[in-house]
């Protein structure tokens, strides 16, 4: 599988997670460990040079997801450490902290 396809599929899954848990209380908690586990596995397979390029976007998407997870699960839940392990830089302050301008609007 081409690297660009892997990056796309990871981003799509991370974004789907973010959207699924965004301001929801009726989350099917049985799906989260598997979903986050798959993201962790995929993240760990990316070469360092690829992560260097996509990490700021990962920090934003999974950072917002992390903020939603804290609201759902509390600060100490074990799933939070799995998501935190995939973030390396600053993360958004809230699940509502979306970019105002997109890369294609510049």
Protein backbone atom coordinates (compact mmCIF):
# COMPACT_ATOMS: atom_id res chain seq x y z
CA UNK A 1 0.00 0.00 0.00
CA UNK A 2 1.33 3.43 -0.90
CA UNK A 3 2.29 5.74 1.97
CA UNK A 4 -0.14 8.41 0.80
CA UNK A 5 -2.97 5.88 1.11
CA UNK A 6 -1.85 4.94 4.62
CA UNK A 7 -1.75 8.60 5.65
CA UNK A 8 -5.20 9.17 4.18
CA UNK A 9 -6.70 6.14 5.92
CA UNK A 10 -5.14 7.12 9.25
CA UNK A 11 -6.43 10.67 8.92
CA UNK A 12 -9.89 9.49 7.93
CA UNK A 13 -10.07 7.17 10.94
CA UNK A 14 -8.75 9.84 13.33
CA UNK A 15 -11.21 12.38 11.95
CA UNK A 16 -14.07 9.90 12.19
CA UNK A 17 -13.19 9.27 15.84
CA UNK A 18 -13.11 12.99 16.51
CA UNK A 19 -16.51 13.45 14.87
CA UNK A 20 -18.04 10.43 16.57
CA UNK A 21 -17.23 11.60 20.10
CA UNK A 22 -17.68 15.35 19.53
CA UNK A 23 -20.24 16.66 22.06
CA UNK A 24 -21.89 13.26 22.43
CA UNK A 25 -22.95 11.42 25.51
CA UNK A 26 -24.36 8.30 23.84
CA UNK A 27 -21.03 6.93 22.62
CA UNK A 28 -20.78 3.15 22.35
CA UNK A 29 -17.87 2.73 24.74
CA UNK A 30 -17.19 -0.82 23.53
CA UNK A 31 -15.93 0.53 20.19
CA UNK A 32 -13.38 2.98 21.57
CA UNK A 33 -10.58 0.64 22.73
CA UNK A 34 -10.46 -1.13 19.37
CA UNK A 35 -10.69 2.11 17.37
CA UNK A 36 -8.00 3.87 19.37
CA UNK A 37 -5.88 0.72 19.37
CA UNK A 38 -5.97 0.57 15.59
CA UNK A 39 -4.95 4.22 15.41
CA UNK A 40 -2.03 3.55 17.77
CA UNK A 41 -0.88 0.59 15.69
CA UNK A 42 -1.05 2.57 12.45
CA UNK A 43 0.67 5.57 14.04
CA UNK A 44 3.53 3.35 15.19
CA UNK A 45 4.08 2.09 11.65
CA UNK A 46 4.68 5.50 10.11
CA UNK A 47 8.32 6.30 9.38
CA UNK A 48 9.75 9.26 11.31
CA UNK A 49 10.02 11.42 8.17
CA UNK A 50 6.30 10.96 7.48
CA UNK A 51 5.33 11.71 11.09
CA UNK A 52 7.42 14.87 10.99
CA UNK A 53 5.26 16.11 8.12
CA UNK A 54 1.83 15.11 9.48
CA UNK A 55 2.32 15.45 13.26
CA UNK A 56 0.94 19.01 13.54
CA UNK A 57 -2.30 17.87 11.90
CA UNK A 58 -2.42 14.79 14.11
CA UNK A 59 -1.96 17.01 17.16
CA UNK A 60 -4.95 19.09 16.09
CA UNK A 61 -7.33 16.27 15.18
CA UNK A 62 -6.46 13.90 18.01
CA UNK A 63 -6.05 16.83 20.39
CA UNK A 64 -9.67 17.82 19.84
CA UNK A 65 -10.66 14.15 20.19
CA UNK A 66 -8.70 14.00 23.44
CA UNK A 67 -10.62 16.99 24.80
CA UNK A 68 -13.90 15.25 23.94
CA UNK A 69 -12.70 12.02 25.56
CA UNK A 70 -11.85 13.83 28.78
CA UNK A 71 -15.44 15.07 28.92
CA UNK A 72 -16.72 11.53 28.36
CA UNK A 73 -14.30 9.48 30.43
CA UNK A 74 -12.64 11.80 32.93
CA UNK A 75 -8.98 12.77 33.21
CA UNK A 76 -7.62 9.42 34.36
CA UNK A 77 -9.09 6.92 31.90
CA UNK A 78 -6.56 4.55 30.33
CA UNK A 79 -7.69 5.36 26.77
CA UNK A 80 -6.47 8.93 27.22
CA UNK A 81 -2.86 7.76 27.51
CA UNK A 82 -3.16 5.97 24.16
CA UNK A 83 -4.37 9.12 22.45
CA UNK A 84 -1.82 11.31 24.26
CA UNK A 85 0.96 9.03 23.01
CA UNK A 86 0.11 10.04 19.45
CA UNK A 87 0.30 13.77 20.17
CA UNK A 88 3.67 15.48 20.40
CA UNK A 89 3.04 19.21 20.19
CA UNK A 90 0.47 21.66 21.47
CA UNK A 91 -3.10 20.45 21.31
CA UNK A 92 -6.28 22.52 21.10
CA UNK A 93 -7.75 23.86 24.32
CA UNK A 94 -11.19 22.46 23.52
CA UNK A 95 -12.96 20.12 21.11
CA UNK A 96 -14.34 23.26 19.43
CA UNK A 97 -10.94 24.74 18.50
CA UNK A 98 -11.08 24.33 14.73
CA UNK A 99 -8.84 26.10 12.24
CA UNK A 100 -10.43 29.21 10.82
CA UNK A 101 -8.48 29.05 7.55
CA UNK A 102 -7.74 25.84 5.74
CA UNK A 103 -4.54 25.14 3.79
CA UNK A 104 -6.38 25.48 0.48
CA UNK A 105 -7.73 28.92 1.31
CA UNK A 106 -4.31 30.55 1.56
